[in-house]
Amino acid sequence: MQAQATHSLEGRGLSCIRDDRILFEELAFELVSGQVLLLEGKNGSGKTSLLRILCGFREPDAGRIDWCGEAVKDSQFYADMAYVGHLDGIKKELTVLENLKMSLALSSSGRYSIDQALTKVHLSGYDDVLVQTLSAGQKRRLSLARLLITENVLWILDEPFTSLDRQGIALIESLMTEHCGNGGMIVLTSHHDIDLPDVDVQRINLS
């Protein structure tokens, strides 16, 4: 990732309807390199639905999303984006190392090697451990390690602090600060009030 590169993510007039209920409408935001967008709100307010729209898992009922001034379908958006959802997205029957190698095979290499990423998320020495034997917090940290070994400008994170203790939360916040400092950007949902004093954090409350 080039720190000097400038990227932008813009949503205009976004609406989402689920089960004949309007979750949000006429929603607008703009995010640029180095910024974080935190989606807040009670359960069922549409936070995860908005993330799913951003990831292309579903279409908005109205509005559009642009990446670097182009509609996402006409841009490099999906190559530049990485998503970590409620589920960790890792294969429990594989080892820690096998999971990361599989992720790396599907993407361009990032700033960290696999060994460096494992050290960063405090999983050094777990290379040959089966994922199914890891704790919930370790699985979450492994899922986030995938972000460090691949080249993605935009991180989209759905409740990234789930299953993490205070030390784990501080670790992820430091990785987020580092990512933004290197020209990255993040959209996330969280019930945890994030502590990123060196990052420009925008907030949207969907409640």
C-alpha atoms as a PDB file:
ATOM      1  CA  MET A   1       0.000   0.000   0.000  1.00  0.00           C
ATOM      2  CA  GLN A   2       1.337   3.424  -0.906  1.00  0.00           C
ATOM      3  CA  ALA A   3       0.875   5.896   1.936  1.00  0.00           C
ATOM      4  CA  GLN A   4       0.627   8.814  -0.445  1.00  0.00           C
ATOM      5  CA  ALA A   5      -2.242   7.271  -2.426  1.00  0.00           C
ATOM      6  CA  THR A   6      -5.622   8.867  -1.788  1.00  0.00           C
ATOM      7  CA  HIS A   7      -8.772   6.781  -1.912  1.00  0.00           C
ATOM      8  CA  SER A   8     -12.360   7.749  -1.252  1.00  0.00           C
ATOM      9  CA  LEU A   9     -15.565   5.900  -0.435  1.00  0.00           C
ATOM     10  CA  GLU A  10     -18.828   7.779  -0.853  1.00  0.00           C
ATOM     11  CA  GLY A  11     -22.412   6.733  -0.204  1.00  0.00           C
ATOM     12  CA  ARG A  12     -25.263   8.883  -1.495  1.00  0.00           C
ATOM     13  CA  GLY A  13     -28.975   8.570  -0.813  1.00  0.00           C
ATOM     14  CA  LEU A  14     -28.675   5.025   0.498  1.00  0.00           C
ATOM     15  CA  SER A  15     -31.821   3.236   1.652  1.00  0.00           C
ATOM     16  CA  CYS A  16     -32.360  -0.264   2.978  1.00  0.00           C
ATOM     17  CA  ILE A  17     -35.691  -2.021   3.501  1.00  0.00           C
ATOM     18  CA  ARG A  18     -35.979  -5.385   5.243  1.00  0.00           C
ATOM     19  CA  ASP A  19     -39.239  -7.237   5.890  1.00  0.00           C
ATOM     20  CA  ASP A  20     -41.206  -4.136   4.802  1.00  0.00           C
ATOM     21  CA  ARG A  21     -39.379  -2.085   7.436  1.00  0.00           C
ATOM     22  CA  ILE A  22     -37.163   0.860   6.539  1.00  0.00           C
ATOM     23  CA  LEU A  23     -33.845   0.401   8.308  1.00  0.00           C
ATOM     24  CA  PHE A  24     -32.380   3.629   6.934  1.00  0.00           C
ATOM     25  CA  GLU A  25     -32.977   6.007   4.052  1.00  0.00           C
ATOM     26  CA  GLU A  26     -31.253   8.959   2.391  1.00  0.00           C
ATOM     27  CA  LEU A  27     -28.037   7.934   4.152  1.00  0.00           C
ATOM     28  CA  ALA A  28     -24.903   9.750   3.001  1.00  0.00           C
ATOM     29  CA  PHE A  29     -21.247   9.610   4.000  1.00  0.00           C
ATOM     30  CA  GLU A  30     -17.790  10.219   2.572  1.00  0.00           C
ATOM     31  CA  LEU A  31     -14.613   8.585   3.756  1.00  0.00           C
ATOM     32  CA  VAL A  32     -11.060   9.242   2.569  1.00  0.00           C
ATOM     33  CA  SER A  33      -7.662   7.686   3.206  1.00  0.00           C
ATOM     34  CA  GLY A  34      -6.658   7.671   6.864  1.00  0.00           C
ATOM     35  CA  GLN A  35     -10.215   7.868   8.211  1.00  0.00           C
ATOM     36  CA  VAL A  36     -12.496   5.479  10.094  1.00  0.00           C
ATOM     37  CA  LEU A  37     -16.281   5.306   9.809  1.00  0.00           C
ATOM     38  CA  LEU A  38     -17.892   3.836  12.933  1.00  0.00           C
ATOM     39  CA  LEU A  39     -21.484   2.634  12.549  1.00  0.00           C
ATOM     40  CA  GLU A  40     -23.376   2.764  15.826  1.00  0.00           C
ATOM     41  CA  GLY A  41     -26.895   1.823  16.836  1.00  0.00           C
ATOM     42  CA  LYS A  42     -28.966  -0.775  18.620  1.00  0.00           C
ATOM     43  CA  ASN A  43     -29.368  -4.322  17.308  1.00  0.00           C
ATOM     44  CA  GLY A  44     -31.558  -4.411  14.221  1.00  0.00           C
ATOM     45  CA  SER A  45     -30.904  -0.799  13.278  1.00  0.00           C
ATOM     46  CA  GLY A  46     -29.215  -1.736  10.000  1.00  0.00           C
ATOM     47  CA  LYS A  47     -25.496  -1.686  10.809  1.00  0.00           C
ATOM     48  CA  THR A  48     -24.741  -5.133   9.415  1.00  0.00           C
ATOM     49  CA  SER A  49     -27.115  -4.547   6.506  1.00  0.00           C
ATOM     50  CA  LEU A  50     -25.130  -1.451   5.536  1.00  0.00           C
ATOM     51  CA  LEU A  51     -21.891  -3.427   5.692  1.00  0.00           C
ATOM     52  CA  ARG A  52     -23.431  -6.108   3.478  1.00  0.00           C
ATOM     53  CA  ILE A  53     -24.396  -3.427   0.969  1.00  0.00           C
ATOM     54  CA  LEU A  54     -20.871  -2.015   1.016  1.00  0.00           C
ATOM     55  CA  CYS A  55     -19.429  -5.485   0.424  1.00  0.00           C
ATOM     56  CA  GLY A  56     -21.784  -6.140  -2.492  1.00  0.00           C
ATOM     57  CA  PHE A  57     -23.635  -8.967  -0.753  1.00  0.00           C
ATOM     58  CA  ARG A  58     -26.899  -7.127  -1.441  1.00  0.00           C
ATOM     59  CA  GLU A  59     -27.974  -4.067  -3.391  1.00  0.00           C
ATOM     60  CA  PRO A  60     -29.241  -0.890  -1.696  1.00  0.00           C
ATOM     61  CA  ASP A  61     -32.941  -0.253  -2.207  1.00  0.00           C
ATOM     62  CA  ALA A  62     -31.979   3.261  -3.293  1.00  0.00           C
ATOM     63  CA  GLY A  63     -28.815   5.293  -3.707  1.00  0.00           C
ATOM     64  CA  ARG A  64     -25.319   4.517  -4.895  1.00  0.00           C
ATOM     65  CA  ILE A  65     -21.807   3.876  -3.628  1.00  0.00           C
ATOM     66  CA  ASP A  66     -18.692   5.237  -5.336  1.00  0.00           C
ATOM     67  CA  TRP A  67     -15.072   4.185  -4.890  1.00  0.00           C
ATOM     68  CA  CYS A  68     -12.513   6.806  -5.912  1.00  0.00           C
ATOM     69  CA  GLY A  69     -15.157   8.663  -7.890  1.00  0.00           C
ATOM     70  CA  GLU A  70     -16.500   5.654  -9.795  1.00  0.00           C
ATOM     71  CA  ALA A  71     -19.451   3.351  -9.156  1.00  0.00           C
ATOM     72  CA  VAL A  72     -18.087   0.350  -7.247  1.00  0.00           C
ATOM     73  CA  LYS A  73     -18.971  -2.060 -10.069  1.00  0.00           C
ATOM     74  CA  ASP A  74     -16.816  -0.027 -12.474  1.00  0.00           C
ATOM     75  CA  SER A  75     -13.869   0.393 -10.096  1.00  0.00           C
ATOM     76  CA  GLN A  76     -11.154  -1.581  -8.303  1.00  0.00           C
ATOM     77  CA  PHE A  77     -13.276  -1.595  -5.139  1.00  0.00           C
ATOM     78  CA  TYR A  78     -13.551  -5.343  -4.622  1.00  0.00           C
ATOM     79  CA  ALA A  79      -9.822  -5.811  -5.156  1.00  0.00           C
ATOM     80  CA  ASP A  80      -9.087  -3.046  -2.631  1.00  0.00           C
ATOM     81  CA  MET A  81     -11.542  -4.227   0.056  1.00  0.00           C
ATOM     82  CA  ALA A  82     -11.324  -6.894   2.765  1.00  0.00           C
ATOM     83  CA  TYR A  83     -14.232  -7.994   4.971  1.00  0.00           C
ATOM     84  CA  VAL A  84     -14.230  -9.683   8.375  1.00  0.00           C
ATOM     85  CA  GLY A  85     -17.718 -10.510   9.603  1.00  0.00           C
ATOM     86  CA  HIS A  86     -19.342 -11.951  12.726  1.00  0.00           C
ATOM     87  CA  LEU A  87     -18.016 -15.374  11.747  1.00  0.00           C
ATOM     88  CA  ASP A  88     -14.240 -15.554  11.657  1.00  0.00           C
ATOM     89  CA  GLY A  89     -14.121 -16.914   8.103  1.00  0.00           C
ATOM     90  CA  ILE A  90     -11.404 -19.450   8.856  1.00  0.00           C
ATOM     91  CA  LYS A  91     -11.329 -23.204   8.286  1.00  0.00           C
ATOM     92  CA  LYS A  92     -11.360 -25.037  11.613  1.00  0.00           C
ATOM     93  CA  GLU A  93      -9.999 -28.265  10.098  1.00  0.00           C
ATOM     94  CA  LEU A  94      -6.863 -26.472   8.857  1.00  0.00           C
ATOM     95  CA  THR A  95      -3.894 -25.210  10.842  1.00  0.00           C
ATOM     96  CA  VAL A  96      -3.195 -21.566  11.557  1.00  0.00           C
ATOM     97  CA  LEU A  97      -0.486 -21.494   8.883  1.00  0.00           C
ATOM     98  CA  GLU A  98      -2.651 -23.273   6.295  1.00  0.00           C
ATOM     99  CA  ASN A  99      -5.448 -20.748   6.799  1.00  0.00           C
ATOM    100  CA  LEU A 100      -3.139 -17.806   6.231  1.00  0.00           C
ATOM    101  CA  LYS A 101      -1.487 -19.408   3.208  1.00  0.00           C
ATOM    102  CA  MET A 102      -4.918 -19.966   1.684  1.00  0.00           C
ATOM    103  CA  SER A 103      -5.855 -16.300   2.240  1.00  0.00           C
ATOM    104  CA  LEU A 104      -2.569 -15.158   0.729  1.00  0.00           C
ATOM    105  CA  ALA A 105      -3.100 -17.331  -2.353  1.00  0.00           C
ATOM    106  CA  LEU A 106      -6.317 -15.423  -3.083  1.00  0.00           C
ATOM    107  CA  SER A 107      -4.896 -11.901  -2.683  1.00  0.00           C
ATOM    108  CA  SER A 108      -1.831  -9.763  -3.253  1.00  0.00           C
ATOM    109  CA  SER A 109       0.814  -9.748  -0.540  1.00  0.00           C
ATOM    110  CA  GLY A 110       0.506  -7.058   2.110  1.00  0.00           C
ATOM    111  CA  ARG A 111       2.960  -5.241   4.356  1.00  0.00           C
ATOM    112  CA  TYR A 112       3.595  -8.196   6.660  1.00  0.00           C
ATOM    113  CA  SER A 113       4.801 -11.731   6.115  1.00  0.00           C
ATOM    114  CA  ILE A 114       2.851 -14.556   7.730  1.00  0.00           C
ATOM    115  CA  ASP A 115       5.403 -14.846  10.543  1.00  0.00           C
ATOM    116  CA  GLN A 116       5.312 -11.094  11.163  1.00  0.00           C
ATOM    117  CA  ALA A 117       1.506 -11.050  11.199  1.00  0.00           C
ATOM    118  CA  LEU A 118       1.330 -13.922  13.680  1.00  0.00           C
ATOM    119  CA  THR A 119       3.758 -12.096  15.936  1.00  0.00           C
ATOM    120  CA  LYS A 120       1.661  -8.929  15.642  1.00  0.00           C
ATOM    121  CA  VAL A 121      -1.536 -10.708  16.768  1.00  0.00           C
ATOM    122  CA  HIS A 122       0.259 -12.690  19.500  1.00  0.00           C
ATOM    123  CA  LEU A 123      -0.048 -16.061  17.766  1.00  0.00           C
ATOM    124  CA  SER A 124       3.638 -16.666  17.136  1.00  0.00           C
ATOM    125  CA  GLY A 125       4.419 -20.372  17.538  1.00  0.00           C
ATOM    126  CA  TYR A 126       0.869 -21.466  16.655  1.00  0.00           C
ATOM    127  CA  ASP A 127       1.689 -22.198  12.994  1.00  0.00           C
ATOM    128  CA  ASP A 128       0.896 -25.929  13.107  1.00  0.00           C
ATOM    129  CA  VAL A 129      -2.002 -25.725  15.596  1.00  0.00           C
ATOM    130  CA  LEU A 130      -5.422 -26.761  14.294  1.00  0.00           C
ATOM    131  CA  VAL A 131      -7.813 -23.827  14.338  1.00  0.00           C
ATOM    132  CA  GLN A 132     -10.520 -25.919  16.027  1.00  0.00           C
ATOM    133  CA  THR A 133      -8.338 -26.067  19.167  1.00  0.00           C
ATOM    134  CA  LEU A 134      -7.967 -22.276  19.444  1.00  0.00           C
ATOM    135  CA  SER A 135      -9.956 -20.159  21.862  1.00  0.00           C
ATOM    136  CA  ALA A 136     -12.619 -17.788  20.536  1.00  0.00           C
ATOM    137  CA  GLY A 137     -10.299 -14.832  21.052  1.00  0.00           C
ATOM    138  CA  GLN A 138      -7.429 -16.545  19.252  1.00  0.00           C
ATOM    139  CA  LYS A 139      -9.686 -17.343  16.296  1.00  0.00           C
ATOM    140  CA  ARG A 140     -10.729 -13.709  16.112  1.00  0.00           C
ATOM    141  CA  ARG A 141      -7.098 -12.565  16.149  1.00  0.00           C
ATOM    142  CA  LEU A 142      -6.268 -15.074  13.423  1.00  0.00           C
ATOM    143  CA  SER A 143      -9.083 -13.751  11.250  1.00  0.00           C
ATOM    144  CA  LEU A 144      -7.688 -10.241  11.647  1.00  0.00           C
ATOM    145  CA  ALA A 145      -4.152 -11.442  10.864  1.00  0.00           C
ATOM    146  CA  ARG A 146      -5.399 -12.085   7.330  1.00  0.00           C
ATOM    147  CA  LEU A 147      -5.761  -8.320   6.922  1.00  0.00           C
ATOM    148  CA  LEU A 148      -2.071  -7.823   7.654  1.00  0.00           C
ATOM    149  CA  ILE A 149      -0.731 -10.261   5.073  1.00  0.00           C
ATOM    150  CA  THR A 150      -2.899  -9.095   2.159  1.00  0.00           C
ATOM    151  CA  GLU A 151      -3.003  -5.814   0.237  1.00  0.00           C
ATOM    152  CA  ASN A 152      -6.307  -4.114   1.057  1.00  0.00           C
ATOM    153  CA  VAL A 153      -6.903  -0.375   1.338  1.00  0.00           C
ATOM    154  CA  LEU A 154     -10.352  -0.659   2.899  1.00  0.00           C
ATOM    155  CA  TRP A 155     -11.114  -2.860   5.893  1.00  0.00           C
ATOM    156  CA  ILE A 156     -14.804  -3.570   6.520  1.00  0.00           C
ATOM    157  CA  LEU A 157     -15.202  -5.035  10.004  1.00  0.00           C
ATOM    158  CA  ASP A 158     -18.380  -6.274  11.651  1.00  0.00           C
ATOM    159  CA  GLU A 159     -17.897  -6.268  15.438  1.00  0.00           C
ATOM    160  CA  PRO A 160     -14.126  -6.925  15.278  1.00  0.00           C
ATOM    161  CA  PHE A 161     -13.759  -6.859  19.080  1.00  0.00           C
ATOM    162  CA  THR A 162     -16.060  -9.834  19.655  1.00  0.00           C
ATOM    163  CA  SER A 163     -14.476 -12.461  21.963  1.00  0.00           C
ATOM    164  CA  LEU A 164     -11.461 -10.257  22.708  1.00  0.00           C
ATOM    165  CA  ASP A 165     -10.298  -9.272  26.184  1.00  0.00           C
ATOM    166  CA  ARG A 166      -9.031  -5.792  27.025  1.00  0.00           C
ATOM    167  CA  GLN A 167      -5.536  -6.613  25.784  1.00  0.00           C
ATOM    168  CA  GLY A 168      -6.932  -7.984  22.526  1.00  0.00           C
ATOM    169  CA  ILE A 169      -9.055  -4.880  22.005  1.00  0.00           C
ATOM    170  CA  ALA A 170      -6.028  -2.618  22.524  1.00  0.00           C
ATOM    171  CA  LEU A 171      -4.085  -4.748  20.050  1.00  0.00           C
ATOM    172  CA  ILE A 172      -6.726  -4.402  17.321  1.00  0.00           C
ATOM    173  CA  GLU A 173      -7.008  -0.651  17.957  1.00  0.00           C
ATOM    174  CA  SER A 174      -3.250  -0.338  17.452  1.00  0.00           C
ATOM    175  CA  LEU A 175      -3.466  -2.280  14.169  1.00  0.00           C
ATOM    176  CA  MET A 176      -6.306  -0.029  13.013  1.00  0.00           C
ATOM    177  CA  THR A 177      -4.290   3.088  13.854  1.00  0.00           C
ATOM    178  CA  GLU A 178      -1.311   1.703  11.948  1.00  0.00           C
ATOM    179  CA  HIS A 179      -3.471   0.838   8.925  1.00  0.00           C
ATOM    180  CA  CYS A 180      -4.931   4.345   8.745  1.00  0.00           C
ATOM    181  CA  GLY A 181      -1.498   5.878   9.237  1.00  0.00           C
ATOM    182  CA  ASN A 182      -0.370   4.020   6.127  1.00  0.00           C
ATOM    183  CA  GLY A 183      -3.172   5.441   4.001  1.00  0.00           C
ATOM    184  CA  GLY A 184      -5.779   2.806   4.740  1.00  0.00           C
ATOM    185  CA  MET A 185      -9.397   3.323   5.724  1.00  0.00           C
ATOM    186  CA  ILE A 186     -11.867   1.365   7.841  1.00  0.00           C
ATOM    187  CA  VAL A 187     -15.626   0.976   8.131  1.00  0.00           C
ATOM    188  CA  LEU A 188     -16.735  -0.933  11.206  1.00  0.00           C
ATOM    189  CA  THR A 189     -19.554  -1.667  13.583  1.00  0.00           C
ATOM    190  CA  SER A 190     -18.864  -2.007  17.275  1.00  0.00           C
ATOM    191  CA  HIS A 191     -20.650  -2.007  20.603  1.00  0.00           C
ATOM    192  CA  HIS A 192     -17.253  -1.123  22.044  1.00  0.00           C
ATOM    193  CA  ASP A 193     -16.373   2.588  22.039  1.00  0.00           C
ATOM    194  CA  ILE A 194     -13.121   2.601  20.093  1.00  0.00           C
ATOM    195  CA  ASP A 195     -10.067   4.489  21.318  1.00  0.00           C
ATOM    196  CA  LEU A 196      -8.213   5.879  18.290  1.00  0.00           C
ATOM    197  CA  PRO A 197      -6.895   9.294  19.380  1.00  0.00           C
ATOM    198  CA  ASP A 198      -4.613   9.683  16.346  1.00  0.00           C
ATOM    199  CA  VAL A 199      -7.266   8.823  13.748  1.00  0.00           C
ATOM    200  CA  ASP A 200     -10.080  10.890  12.267  1.00  0.00           C
ATOM    201  CA  VAL A 201     -13.161   8.873  13.269  1.00  0.00           C
ATOM    202  CA  GLN A 202     -16.560   9.664  11.764  1.00  0.00           C
ATOM    203  CA  ARG A 203     -19.669   8.250  13.377  1.00  0.00           C
ATOM    204  CA  ILE A 204     -23.118   7.395  12.042  1.00  0.00           C
ATOM    205  CA  ASN A 205     -25.804   6.328  14.509  1.00  0.00           C
ATOM    206  CA  LEU A 206     -28.478   4.298  12.737  1.00  0.00           C
ATOM    207  CA  SER A 207     -30.822   3.972  15.726  1.00  0.00           C
END
